[in-house]
Amino acid sequence: MNAVQISRDVVLEPADNSRLANLCGQFDEHLRQIERRLNVEIASRGNRFRVTGRPGAAEVGGDVLSRLFEMTGEERLDPERVHMLLQESFMDDVNDDISDTDEAQEEVTIQTRRKLIRPRGANQTAYIRNIRNHDLAFGIGPAGTGKTYLAVAAAVDALESEEIRRIVLVRPAVEAGERLGFLPGDLSQKVDPYLRPMYDALYDMIGAERVTRLIERNVIEIAPLAFMRGRSLNESFVILDEAQNTSAEQMKMFLTRIGFGSRAVVTGDVTQIDLPNGQMSGLKNATEVLQDVEGVSFTYFTPKDVVRHQLVQRIVRAYEENDGSG
């Protein structure tokens, strides 16, 4: 059952082409930013705009367009300004509107160029919704629950719909102590083995040849966690995989790299920590520190969510029971 949607029409005066271009941004990037944050669609012709979405979101979208257009008379808009307006004025109302609808009954899917992806079970469905509705989403649980695969699918979907401009794949190289200099090859070759699960997902969704082309154009970027320090990632979809193997300091460093117009997904399994004994996992620490932070979501998977061979589900459960009794 689909949620009720309405359309709100907005006419912006005066019909000044320079101000309208300022409002929309380069390649309509400001409109896409509003669409993504409010889960609406915006159509425009000249100075006439139509915002379509759930009742509360469509109303908010119209108000945002009007307020931003007022600002175009005095300043040059950028994604940061759009982001701040959305944050300070309206997001609480929209999130309440989304949670109060019959969204629970609405089918969630991800359509990539090569395949349609449907979540399996309530936790995968909630996970995809959390990724779409939050700037930072955590997916925590055992192997085989689809955490990484669905995160990559959401990233590909966002790239193909031009919501973001690049995908950044990050993983701590604990087995190499994050000291990659002694390994043969260039940066890509050094990190490739640690990112293989994300590569496999990308190949499955958009094909190996296109993945290679996008990497060459830096639209898809691979990087060890240690190389993220000092960077600011704007208009990007960033995925940190195997996050249980980050330290608390590394996790904080990574999370503070998130720039305007960006989303981040952090995945990991707190039962498979490879850090030295006594070192606090950054993923465990983040679940405690960020649990009540607005804009951050957590999805917890269990052995029941394992979508690999049924034997894997039983193995995961057996190890959990053994750890609990030890």
C-alpha atoms as a PDB file:
ATOM      1  CA  MET A   1       0.000   0.000   0.000  1.00  0.00           C
ATOM      2  CA  ASN A   2       1.486   3.337  -1.045  1.00  0.00           C
ATOM      3  CA  ALA A   3       1.433   6.334   1.241  1.00  0.00           C
ATOM      4  CA  VAL A   4      -0.839   9.229   0.269  1.00  0.00           C
ATOM      5  CA  GLN A   5       0.964  11.881  -1.754  1.00  0.00           C
ATOM      6  CA  ILE A   6       0.021  15.431  -2.625  1.00  0.00           C
ATOM      7  CA  SER A   7       1.448  18.119  -4.883  1.00  0.00           C
ATOM      8  CA  ARG A   8       2.102  21.686  -3.841  1.00  0.00           C
ATOM      9  CA  ASP A   9       2.504  24.351  -6.519  1.00  0.00           C
ATOM     10  CA  VAL A  10       4.782  27.309  -5.883  1.00  0.00           C
ATOM     11  CA  VAL A  11       5.118  30.393  -8.099  1.00  0.00           C
ATOM     12  CA  LEU A  12       8.224  32.450  -7.358  1.00  0.00           C
ATOM     13  CA  GLU A  13       8.192  36.164  -8.127  1.00  0.00           C
ATOM     14  CA  PRO A  14       9.852  38.037  -9.704  1.00  0.00           C
ATOM     15  CA  ALA A  15      10.606  35.631 -12.558  1.00  0.00           C
ATOM     16  CA  ASP A  16      14.294  36.549 -12.606  1.00  0.00           C
ATOM     17  CA  ASN A  17      16.364  33.955 -14.512  1.00  0.00           C
ATOM     18  CA  SER A  18      19.547  34.760 -12.597  1.00  0.00           C
ATOM     19  CA  ARG A  19      17.859  34.277  -9.225  1.00  0.00           C
ATOM     20  CA  LEU A  20      16.116  31.106 -10.402  1.00  0.00           C
ATOM     21  CA  ALA A  21      19.453  29.668 -11.553  1.00  0.00           C
ATOM     22  CA  ASN A  22      20.916  30.561  -8.159  1.00  0.00           C
ATOM     23  CA  LEU A  23      18.010  28.779  -6.473  1.00  0.00           C
ATOM     24  CA  CYS A  24      18.336  25.578  -8.508  1.00  0.00           C
ATOM     25  CA  GLY A  25      22.115  25.402  -8.401  1.00  0.00           C
ATOM     26  CA  GLN A  26      24.472  23.900 -10.947  1.00  0.00           C
ATOM     27  CA  PHE A  27      22.788  20.953 -12.669  1.00  0.00           C
ATOM     28  CA  ASP A  28      19.820  21.518 -10.306  1.00  0.00           C
ATOM     29  CA  GLU A  29      21.967  20.293  -7.400  1.00  0.00           C
ATOM     30  CA  HIS A  30      20.014  22.306  -4.816  1.00  0.00           C
ATOM     31  CA  LEU A  31      16.711  20.828  -5.986  1.00  0.00           C
ATOM     32  CA  ARG A  32      18.154  17.297  -5.855  1.00  0.00           C
ATOM     33  CA  GLN A  33      19.428  18.011  -2.344  1.00  0.00           C
ATOM     34  CA  ILE A  34      15.947  19.058  -1.184  1.00  0.00           C
ATOM     35  CA  GLU A  35      14.379  16.032  -2.889  1.00  0.00           C
ATOM     36  CA  ARG A  36      16.714  13.638  -1.142  1.00  0.00           C
ATOM     37  CA  ARG A  37      16.366  15.156   2.318  1.00  0.00           C
ATOM     38  CA  LEU A  38      12.572  15.463   2.200  1.00  0.00           C
ATOM     39  CA  ASN A  39      11.846  12.398   0.049  1.00  0.00           C
ATOM     40  CA  VAL A  40       9.905  14.478  -2.499  1.00  0.00           C
ATOM     41  CA  GLU A  41      10.018  15.135  -6.242  1.00  0.00           C
ATOM     42  CA  ILE A  42      10.389  18.668  -7.607  1.00  0.00           C
ATOM     43  CA  ALA A  43       9.374  19.608 -11.145  1.00  0.00           C
ATOM     44  CA  SER A  44       9.920  23.101 -12.532  1.00  0.00           C
ATOM     45  CA  ARG A  45       9.118  25.225 -15.538  1.00  0.00           C
ATOM     46  CA  GLY A  46      10.373  28.767 -15.430  1.00  0.00           C
ATOM     47  CA  ASN A  47       9.358  30.244 -12.091  1.00  0.00           C
ATOM     48  CA  ARG A  48       6.699  27.585 -11.421  1.00  0.00           C
ATOM     49  CA  PHE A  49       7.599  24.659  -9.185  1.00  0.00           C
ATOM     50  CA  ARG A  50       5.617  21.586  -8.165  1.00  0.00           C
ATOM     51  CA  VAL A  51       6.637  19.604  -5.083  1.00  0.00           C
ATOM     52  CA  THR A  52       5.179  16.084  -4.808  1.00  0.00           C
ATOM     53  CA  GLY A  53       5.439  13.874  -1.739  1.00  0.00           C
ATOM     54  CA  ARG A  54       3.778  13.032   1.553  1.00  0.00           C
ATOM     55  CA  PRO A  55       1.562  15.866   2.809  1.00  0.00           C
ATOM     56  CA  GLY A  56       3.943  17.274   5.409  1.00  0.00           C
ATOM     57  CA  ALA A  57       7.026  16.855   3.232  1.00  0.00           C
ATOM     58  CA  ALA A  58       5.433  18.504   0.188  1.00  0.00           C
ATOM     59  CA  GLU A  59       4.377  21.500   2.276  1.00  0.00           C
ATOM     60  CA  VAL A  60       7.830  21.818   3.765  1.00  0.00           C
ATOM     61  CA  GLY A  61       9.413  21.520   0.320  1.00  0.00           C
ATOM     62  CA  GLY A  62       7.334  24.428  -0.945  1.00  0.00           C
ATOM     63  CA  ASP A  63       8.289  26.531   2.068  1.00  0.00           C
ATOM     64  CA  VAL A  64      11.974  25.730   1.600  1.00  0.00           C
ATOM     65  CA  LEU A  65      11.863  26.785  -2.064  1.00  0.00           C
ATOM     66  CA  SER A  66      10.158  30.062  -1.142  1.00  0.00           C
ATOM     67  CA  ARG A  67      12.642  30.876   1.610  1.00  0.00           C
ATOM     68  CA  LEU A  68      15.644  29.998  -0.522  1.00  0.00           C
ATOM     69  CA  PHE A  69      14.326  32.146  -3.366  1.00  0.00           C
ATOM     70  CA  GLU A  70      14.071  35.095  -0.969  1.00  0.00           C
ATOM     71  CA  MET A  71      17.746  34.598  -0.136  1.00  0.00           C
ATOM     72  CA  THR A  72      18.784  34.628  -3.802  1.00  0.00           C
ATOM     73  CA  GLY A  73      18.220  38.375  -3.868  1.00  0.00           C
ATOM     74  CA  GLU A  74      21.087  38.872  -1.411  1.00  0.00           C
ATOM     75  CA  GLU A  75      23.452  35.911  -1.558  1.00  0.00           C
ATOM     76  CA  ARG A  76      24.859  33.134  -3.716  1.00  0.00           C
ATOM     77  CA  LEU A  77      23.403  29.821  -2.534  1.00  0.00           C
ATOM     78  CA  ASP A  78      25.490  26.699  -2.110  1.00  0.00           C
ATOM     79  CA  PRO A  79      24.774  23.156  -0.833  1.00  0.00           C
ATOM     80  CA  GLU A  80      25.914  24.165   2.647  1.00  0.00           C
ATOM     81  CA  ARG A  81      23.341  26.961   2.843  1.00  0.00           C
ATOM     82  CA  VAL A  82      20.568  24.670   1.620  1.00  0.00           C
ATOM     83  CA  HIS A  83      21.613  22.048   4.146  1.00  0.00           C
ATOM     84  CA  MET A  84      21.575  24.520   7.033  1.00  0.00           C
ATOM     85  CA  LEU A  85      18.115  25.812   6.143  1.00  0.00           C
ATOM     86  CA  LEU A  86      16.725  22.288   6.028  1.00  0.00           C
ATOM     87  CA  GLN A  87      18.363  21.452   9.343  1.00  0.00           C
ATOM     88  CA  GLU A  88      17.384  24.507  11.335  1.00  0.00           C
ATOM     89  CA  SER A  89      13.806  24.895  10.219  1.00  0.00           C
ATOM     90  CA  PHE A  90      12.014  21.831   9.076  1.00  0.00           C
ATOM     91  CA  MET A  91      13.545  18.385   9.484  1.00  0.00           C
ATOM     92  CA  ASP A  92      11.860  17.517  12.785  1.00  0.00           C
ATOM     93  CA  ASP A  93       8.415  18.134  11.304  1.00  0.00           C
ATOM     94  CA  VAL A  94       9.185  16.077   8.215  1.00  0.00           C
ATOM     95  CA  ASN A  95      10.615  13.147  10.156  1.00  0.00           C
ATOM     96  CA  ASP A  96       7.508  13.112  12.336  1.00  0.00           C
ATOM     97  CA  ASP A  97       5.326  13.124   9.225  1.00  0.00           C
ATOM     98  CA  ILE A  98       7.269  10.227   7.702  1.00  0.00           C
ATOM     99  CA  SER A  99       7.121   8.106  10.856  1.00  0.00           C
ATOM    100  CA  ASP A 100       3.388   8.663  11.306  1.00  0.00           C
ATOM    101  CA  THR A 101       2.405   7.401   7.825  1.00  0.00           C
ATOM    102  CA  ASP A 102       1.722   3.868   6.682  1.00  0.00           C
ATOM    103  CA  GLU A 103       5.358   3.595   5.607  1.00  0.00           C
ATOM    104  CA  ALA A 104       5.623   0.300   7.444  1.00  0.00           C
ATOM    105  CA  GLN A 105       3.388  -1.264   4.806  1.00  0.00           C
ATOM    106  CA  GLU A 106       5.083   0.435   1.849  1.00  0.00           C
ATOM    107  CA  GLU A 107       7.368  -1.769  -0.231  1.00  0.00           C
ATOM    108  CA  VAL A 108      10.995  -0.677  -0.256  1.00  0.00           C
ATOM    109  CA  THR A 109      13.167  -1.525  -3.245  1.00  0.00           C
ATOM    110  CA  ILE A 110      16.419  -0.370  -4.813  1.00  0.00           C
ATOM    111  CA  GLN A 111      16.605  -0.246  -8.613  1.00  0.00           C
ATOM    112  CA  THR A 112      20.111  -0.268 -10.069  1.00  0.00           C
ATOM    113  CA  ARG A 113      21.061  -0.435 -13.730  1.00  0.00           C
ATOM    114  CA  ARG A 114      21.324  -4.225 -13.757  1.00  0.00           C
ATOM    115  CA  LYS A 115      18.895  -5.461 -11.130  1.00  0.00           C
ATOM    116  CA  LEU A 116      16.014  -4.751  -8.770  1.00  0.00           C
ATOM    117  CA  ILE A 117      16.934  -5.347  -5.142  1.00  0.00           C
ATOM    118  CA  ARG A 118      14.270  -6.201  -2.580  1.00  0.00           C
ATOM    119  CA  PRO A 119      15.083  -6.395   1.128  1.00  0.00           C
ATOM    120  CA  ARG A 120      14.518  -9.710   2.856  1.00  0.00           C
ATOM    121  CA  GLY A 121      12.796  -9.268   6.171  1.00  0.00           C
ATOM    122  CA  ALA A 122      11.889  -6.411   8.471  1.00  0.00           C
ATOM    123  CA  ASN A 123      15.441  -5.508   9.514  1.00  0.00           C
ATOM    124  CA  GLN A 124      16.725  -5.163   5.947  1.00  0.00           C
ATOM    125  CA  THR A 125      13.683  -3.029   5.106  1.00  0.00           C
ATOM    126  CA  ALA A 126      14.296  -0.796   8.141  1.00  0.00           C
ATOM    127  CA  TYR A 127      17.987  -0.603   7.226  1.00  0.00           C
ATOM    128  CA  ILE A 128      17.274   0.732   3.724  1.00  0.00           C
ATOM    129  CA  ARG A 129      14.784   3.264   5.114  1.00  0.00           C
ATOM    130  CA  ASN A 130      17.324   4.400   7.683  1.00  0.00           C
ATOM    131  CA  ILE A 131      19.966   4.867   4.984  1.00  0.00           C
ATOM    132  CA  ARG A 132      17.548   6.960   2.929  1.00  0.00           C
ATOM    133  CA  ASN A 133      16.263   9.067   5.804  1.00  0.00           C
ATOM    134  CA  HIS A 134      19.461   9.710   7.771  1.00  0.00           C
ATOM    135  CA  ASP A 135      22.797  11.280   6.928  1.00  0.00           C
ATOM    136  CA  LEU A 136      24.555   8.620   8.996  1.00  0.00           C
ATOM    137  CA  ALA A 137      23.308   5.037   9.245  1.00  0.00           C
ATOM    138  CA  PHE A 138      24.868   2.141  11.138  1.00  0.00           C
ATOM    139  CA  GLY A 139      24.243  -1.480  10.179  1.00  0.00           C
ATOM    140  CA  ILE A 140      25.436  -3.829  12.920  1.00  0.00           C
ATOM    141  CA  GLY A 141      25.210  -7.603  12.940  1.00  0.00           C
ATOM    142  CA  PRO A 142      26.712 -10.935  11.874  1.00  0.00           C
ATOM    143  CA  ALA A 143      28.101 -11.833   8.473  1.00  0.00           C
ATOM    144  CA  GLY A 144      25.615 -12.718   5.764  1.00  0.00           C
ATOM    145  CA  THR A 145      22.877 -10.289   6.800  1.00  0.00           C
ATOM    146  CA  GLY A 146      23.304  -8.042   3.735  1.00  0.00           C
ATOM    147  CA  LYS A 147      24.742  -5.025   5.575  1.00  0.00           C
ATOM    148  CA  THR A 148      27.464  -4.250   3.049  1.00  0.00           C
ATOM    149  CA  TYR A 149      25.553  -5.351  -0.033  1.00  0.00           C
ATOM    150  CA  LEU A 150      22.547  -3.132   0.709  1.00  0.00           C
ATOM    151  CA  ALA A 151      24.785  -0.182   1.592  1.00  0.00           C
ATOM    152  CA  VAL A 152      26.530  -0.478  -1.780  1.00  0.00           C
ATOM    153  CA  ALA A 153      23.148  -0.816  -3.509  1.00  0.00           C
ATOM    154  CA  ALA A 154      21.934   2.389  -1.847  1.00  0.00           C
ATOM    155  CA  ALA A 155      25.145   4.135  -2.903  1.00  0.00           C
ATOM    156  CA  VAL A 156      24.764   3.034  -6.527  1.00  0.00           C
ATOM    157  CA  ASP A 157      21.129   4.137  -6.516  1.00  0.00           C
ATOM    158  CA  ALA A 158      22.105   7.562  -5.165  1.00  0.00           C
ATOM    159  CA  LEU A 159      24.856   7.901  -7.788  1.00  0.00           C
ATOM    160  CA  GLU A 160      22.633   6.903 -10.698  1.00  0.00           C
ATOM    161  CA  SER A 161      19.880   9.293  -9.588  1.00  0.00           C
ATOM    162  CA  GLU A 162      22.521  12.063  -9.267  1.00  0.00           C
ATOM    163  CA  GLU A 163      21.862  12.618  -5.570  1.00  0.00           C
ATOM    164  CA  ILE A 164      25.606  12.389  -4.958  1.00  0.00           C
ATOM    165  CA  ARG A 165      28.656  12.730  -7.203  1.00  0.00           C
ATOM    166  CA  ARG A 166      30.875   9.928  -6.015  1.00  0.00           C
ATOM    167  CA  ILE A 167      31.083   6.799  -3.917  1.00  0.00           C
ATOM    168  CA  VAL A 168      33.904   6.399  -1.402  1.00  0.00           C
ATOM    169  CA  LEU A 169      34.640   2.907  -0.076  1.00  0.00           C
ATOM    170  CA  VAL A 170      36.656   2.702   3.134  1.00  0.00           C
ATOM    171  CA  ARG A 171      37.854  -0.218   5.197  1.00  0.00           C
ATOM    172  CA  PRO A 172      40.436  -0.554   7.973  1.00  0.00           C
ATOM    173  CA  ALA A 173      43.311  -2.809   6.927  1.00  0.00           C
ATOM    174  CA  VAL A 174      43.838  -4.343  10.341  1.00  0.00           C
ATOM    175  CA  GLU A 175      45.558  -7.446   8.980  1.00  0.00           C
ATOM    176  CA  ALA A 176      48.281  -5.166   7.582  1.00  0.00           C
ATOM    177  CA  GLY A 177      48.267  -2.984  10.668  1.00  0.00           C
ATOM    178  CA  GLU A 178      47.131  -0.125   8.390  1.00  0.00           C
ATOM    179  CA  ARG A 179      50.804   0.167   7.368  1.00  0.00           C
ATOM    180  CA  LEU A 180      50.338  -0.451   3.678  1.00  0.00           C
ATOM    181  CA  GLY A 181      53.647   0.909   2.427  1.00  0.00           C
ATOM    182  CA  PHE A 182      55.413  -2.449   2.469  1.00  0.00           C
ATOM    183  CA  LEU A 183      52.759  -4.119   0.308  1.00  0.00           C
ATOM    184  CA  PRO A 184      53.487  -4.298  -3.450  1.00  0.00           C
ATOM    185  CA  GLY A 185      51.633  -2.175  -6.004  1.00  0.00           C
ATOM    186  CA  ASP A 186      49.875   1.184  -6.032  1.00  0.00           C
ATOM    187  CA  LEU A 187      47.263   2.290  -3.484  1.00  0.00           C
ATOM    188  CA  SER A 188      44.407   0.569  -5.317  1.00  0.00           C
ATOM    189  CA  GLN A 189      46.291  -2.735  -5.489  1.00  0.00           C
ATOM    190  CA  LYS A 190      47.270  -2.520  -1.813  1.00  0.00           C
ATOM    191  CA  VAL A 191      43.700  -1.962  -0.624  1.00  0.00           C
ATOM    192  CA  ASP A 192      41.794  -4.109  -3.141  1.00  0.00           C
ATOM    193  CA  PRO A 193      41.937  -7.355  -1.114  1.00  0.00           C
ATOM    194  CA  TYR A 194      40.334  -5.654   1.882  1.00  0.00           C
ATOM    195  CA  LEU A 195      37.540  -4.135  -0.216  1.00  0.00           C
ATOM    196  CA  ARG A 196      36.693  -7.258  -2.194  1.00  0.00           C
ATOM    197  CA  PRO A 197      33.186  -7.674  -0.678  1.00  0.00           C
ATOM    198  CA  MET A 198      32.258  -4.153  -1.814  1.00  0.00           C
ATOM    199  CA  TYR A 199      33.777  -4.735  -5.245  1.00  0.00           C
ATOM    200  CA  ASP A 200      31.740  -7.929  -5.606  1.00  0.00           C
ATOM    201  CA  ALA A 201      28.564  -6.001  -4.814  1.00  0.00           C
ATOM    202  CA  LEU A 202      29.452  -3.253  -7.319  1.00  0.00           C
ATOM    203  CA  TYR A 203      30.174  -5.792 -10.061  1.00  0.00           C
ATOM    204  CA  ASP A 204      26.834  -7.450  -9.385  1.00  0.00           C
ATOM    205  CA  MET A 205      24.931  -4.166  -9.710  1.00  0.00           C
ATOM    206  CA  ILE A 206      26.631  -2.216 -12.484  1.00  0.00           C
ATOM    207  CA  GLY A 207      29.140  -4.592 -14.081  1.00  0.00           C
ATOM    208  CA  ALA A 208      32.922  -4.893 -13.860  1.00  0.00           C
ATOM    209  CA  GLU A 209      33.694  -2.750 -16.917  1.00  0.00           C
ATOM    210  CA  ARG A 210      31.646   0.215 -15.700  1.00  0.00           C
ATOM    211  CA  VAL A 211      33.091  -0.097 -12.203  1.00  0.00           C
ATOM    212  CA  THR A 212      36.586   0.103 -13.717  1.00  0.00           C
ATOM    213  CA  ARG A 213      35.673   3.209 -15.741  1.00  0.00           C
ATOM    214  CA  LEU A 214      34.143   4.932 -12.711  1.00  0.00           C
ATOM    215  CA  ILE A 215      37.244   4.183 -10.622  1.00  0.00           C
ATOM    216  CA  GLU A 216      39.453   5.631 -13.372  1.00  0.00           C
ATOM    217  CA  ARG A 217      37.337   8.813 -13.338  1.00  0.00           C
ATOM    218  CA  ASN A 218      37.490   8.906  -9.514  1.00  0.00           C
ATOM    219  CA  VAL A 219      33.690   8.665  -9.329  1.00  0.00           C
ATOM    220  CA  ILE A 220      34.233   5.535  -7.251  1.00  0.00           C
ATOM    221  CA  GLU A 221      37.139   5.960  -4.863  1.00  0.00           C
ATOM    222  CA  ILE A 222      38.795   3.344  -2.690  1.00  0.00           C
ATOM    223  CA  ALA A 223      40.806   4.315   0.344  1.00  0.00           C
ATOM    224  CA  PRO A 224      42.189   2.750   3.510  1.00  0.00           C
ATOM    225  CA  LEU A 225      40.840   4.347   6.649  1.00  0.00           C
ATOM    226  CA  ALA A 226      44.249   5.806   7.499  1.00  0.00           C
ATOM    227  CA  PHE A 227      44.131   7.913   4.314  1.00  0.00           C
ATOM    228  CA  MET A 228      40.921   9.688   5.359  1.00  0.00           C
ATOM    229  CA  ARG A 229      42.561  11.952   7.921  1.00  0.00           C
ATOM    230  CA  GLY A 230      42.379  15.647   7.061  1.00  0.00           C
ATOM    231  CA  ARG A 231      39.850  15.220   4.263  1.00  0.00           C
ATOM    232  CA  SER A 232      36.332  16.618   3.898  1.00  0.00           C
ATOM    233  CA  LEU A 233      33.971  14.596   1.719  1.00  0.00           C
ATOM    234  CA  ASN A 234      31.197  16.637   0.094  1.00  0.00           C
ATOM    235  CA  GLU A 235      28.396  15.280  -2.122  1.00  0.00           C
ATOM    236  CA  SER A 236      29.618  11.748  -1.523  1.00  0.00           C
ATOM    237  CA  PHE A 237      28.190   8.429  -0.392  1.00  0.00           C
ATOM    238  CA  VAL A 238      30.776   7.024   2.011  1.00  0.00           C
ATOM    239  CA  ILE A 239      30.752   3.427   3.233  1.00  0.00           C
ATOM    240  CA  LEU A 240      32.952   2.276   6.102  1.00  0.00           C
ATOM    241  CA  ASP A 241      32.966  -1.524   6.174  1.00  0.00           C
ATOM    242  CA  GLU A 242      34.288  -3.795   8.960  1.00  0.00           C
ATOM    243  CA  ALA A 243      34.011  -0.843  11.332  1.00  0.00           C
ATOM    244  CA  GLN A 244      34.425  -3.061  14.391  1.00  0.00           C
ATOM    245  CA  ASN A 245      38.149  -2.977  13.592  1.00  0.00           C
ATOM    246  CA  THR A 246      38.462   0.787  14.019  1.00  0.00           C
ATOM    247  CA  SER A 247      39.661   2.383  17.208  1.00  0.00           C
ATOM    248  CA  ALA A 248      37.476   4.987  18.910  1.00  0.00           C
ATOM    249  CA  GLU A 249      39.844   7.684  17.647  1.00  0.00           C
ATOM    250  CA  GLN A 250      39.683   6.384  14.063  1.00  0.00           C
ATOM    251  CA  MET A 251      35.891   6.228  14.164  1.00  0.00           C
ATOM    252  CA  LYS A 252      35.651   9.824  15.358  1.00  0.00           C
ATOM    253  CA  MET A 253      38.109  10.877  12.659  1.00  0.00           C
ATOM    254  CA  PHE A 254      36.061   9.119   9.974  1.00  0.00           C
ATOM    255  CA  LEU A 255      32.692  10.476  11.083  1.00  0.00           C
ATOM    256  CA  THR A 256      33.973  14.042  11.132  1.00  0.00           C
ATOM    257  CA  ARG A 257      34.995  13.726   7.450  1.00  0.00           C
ATOM    258  CA  ILE A 258      31.345  13.785   6.348  1.00  0.00           C
ATOM    259  CA  GLY A 259      30.708  16.965   4.360  1.00  0.00           C
ATOM    260  CA  PHE A 260      27.652  18.755   3.043  1.00  0.00           C
ATOM    261  CA  GLY A 261      25.401  16.838   0.706  1.00  0.00           C
ATOM    262  CA  SER A 262      26.990  13.572   1.828  1.00  0.00           C
ATOM    263  CA  ARG A 263      25.719  10.412   3.441  1.00  0.00           C
ATOM    264  CA  ALA A 264      27.640   7.759   5.314  1.00  0.00           C
ATOM    265  CA  VAL A 265      26.904   4.133   6.145  1.00  0.00           C
ATOM    266  CA  VAL A 266      28.960   2.287   8.740  1.00  0.00           C
ATOM    267  CA  THR A 267      28.772  -1.513   8.861  1.00  0.00           C
ATOM    268  CA  GLY A 268      30.331  -4.026  11.187  1.00  0.00           C
ATOM    269  CA  ASP A 269      30.009  -7.010  13.470  1.00  0.00           C
ATOM    270  CA  VAL A 270      30.967  -6.410  17.102  1.00  0.00           C
ATOM    271  CA  THR A 271      31.499 -10.169  17.600  1.00  0.00           C
ATOM    272  CA  GLN A 272      34.383 -10.241  15.087  1.00  0.00           C
ATOM    273  CA  ILE A 273      36.835  -7.666  16.442  1.00  0.00           C
ATOM    274  CA  ASP A 274      40.453  -8.160  15.313  1.00  0.00           C
ATOM    275  CA  LEU A 275      41.952  -5.312  17.335  1.00  0.00           C
ATOM    276  CA  PRO A 276      44.730  -5.925  19.879  1.00  0.00           C
ATOM    277  CA  ASN A 277      43.484  -7.131  23.253  1.00  0.00           C
ATOM    278  CA  GLY A 278      42.191  -4.339  25.420  1.00  0.00           C
ATOM    279  CA  GLN A 279      41.656  -1.825  22.619  1.00  0.00           C
ATOM    280  CA  MET A 280      38.143  -0.373  22.471  1.00  0.00           C
ATOM    281  CA  SER A 281      36.309  -0.921  19.196  1.00  0.00           C
ATOM    282  CA  GLY A 282      35.267   2.342  17.545  1.00  0.00           C
ATOM    283  CA  LEU A 283      32.014   0.705  16.471  1.00  0.00           C
ATOM    284  CA  LYS A 284      31.112  -0.331  20.010  1.00  0.00           C
ATOM    285  CA  ASN A 285      32.037   3.108  21.273  1.00  0.00           C
ATOM    286  CA  ALA A 286      29.945   4.823  18.593  1.00  0.00           C
ATOM    287  CA  THR A 287      26.824   2.850  19.520  1.00  0.00           C
ATOM    288  CA  GLU A 288      27.121   4.245  23.034  1.00  0.00           C
ATOM    289  CA  VAL A 289      28.125   7.810  22.206  1.00  0.00           C
ATOM    290  CA  LEU A 290      25.805   8.439  19.236  1.00  0.00           C
ATOM    291  CA  GLN A 291      22.712   6.486  20.266  1.00  0.00           C
ATOM    292  CA  ASP A 292      20.597   9.603  20.881  1.00  0.00           C
ATOM    293  CA  VAL A 293      22.145  11.937  18.302  1.00  0.00           C
ATOM    294  CA  GLU A 294      19.647  13.358  15.805  1.00  0.00           C
ATOM    295  CA  GLY A 295      20.278  12.348  12.201  1.00  0.00           C
ATOM    296  CA  VAL A 296      21.983   9.069  13.186  1.00  0.00           C
ATOM    297  CA  SER A 297      20.257   5.690  12.886  1.00  0.00           C
ATOM    298  CA  PHE A 298      21.158   2.194  14.061  1.00  0.00           C
ATOM    299  CA  THR A 299      19.898  -1.065  12.575  1.00  0.00           C
ATOM    300  CA  TYR A 300      20.768  -4.229  14.489  1.00  0.00           C
ATOM    301  CA  PHE A 301      20.720  -7.561  12.666  1.00  0.00           C
ATOM    302  CA  THR A 302      20.467 -11.008  14.255  1.00  0.00           C
ATOM    303  CA  PRO A 303      21.258 -14.553  13.046  1.00  0.00           C
ATOM    304  CA  LYS A 304      17.648 -14.753  11.822  1.00  0.00           C
ATOM    305  CA  ASP A 305      18.547 -12.107   9.215  1.00  0.00           C
ATOM    306  CA  VAL A 306      21.359 -14.151   7.638  1.00  0.00           C
ATOM    307  CA  VAL A 307      20.565 -14.549   3.936  1.00  0.00           C
ATOM    308  CA  ARG A 308      23.386 -16.901   2.975  1.00  0.00           C
ATOM    309  CA  HIS A 309      23.240 -20.683   3.211  1.00  0.00           C
ATOM    310  CA  GLN A 310      21.000 -21.831   6.062  1.00  0.00           C
ATOM    311  CA  LEU A 311      24.007 -23.512   7.610  1.00  0.00           C
ATOM    312  CA  VAL A 312      25.651 -20.087   8.070  1.00  0.00           C
ATOM    313  CA  GLN A 313      22.657 -18.981  10.133  1.00  0.00           C
ATOM    314  CA  ARG A 314      23.008 -22.016  12.396  1.00  0.00           C
ATOM    315  CA  ILE A 315      26.785 -21.506  12.703  1.00  0.00           C
ATOM    316  CA  VAL A 316      26.362 -17.851  13.719  1.00  0.00           C
ATOM    317  CA  ARG A 317      23.741 -18.777  16.308  1.00  0.00           C
ATOM    318  CA  ALA A 318      25.924 -21.586  17.728  1.00  0.00           C
ATOM    319  CA  TYR A 319      28.890 -19.251  18.205  1.00  0.00           C
ATOM    320  CA  GLU A 320      26.689 -16.616  19.853  1.00  0.00           C
ATOM    321  CA  GLU A 321      25.331 -19.193  22.292  1.00  0.00           C
ATOM    322  CA  ASN A 322      28.844 -20.419  23.050  1.00  0.00           C
ATOM    323  CA  ASP A 323      30.104 -16.877  23.707  1.00  0.00           C
ATOM    324  CA  GLY A 324      27.135 -16.237  25.977  1.00  0.00           C
ATOM    325  CA  SER A 325      27.843 -19.309  28.072  1.00  0.00           C
ATOM    326  CA  GLY A 326      31.608 -18.804  28.234  1.00  0.00           C
END
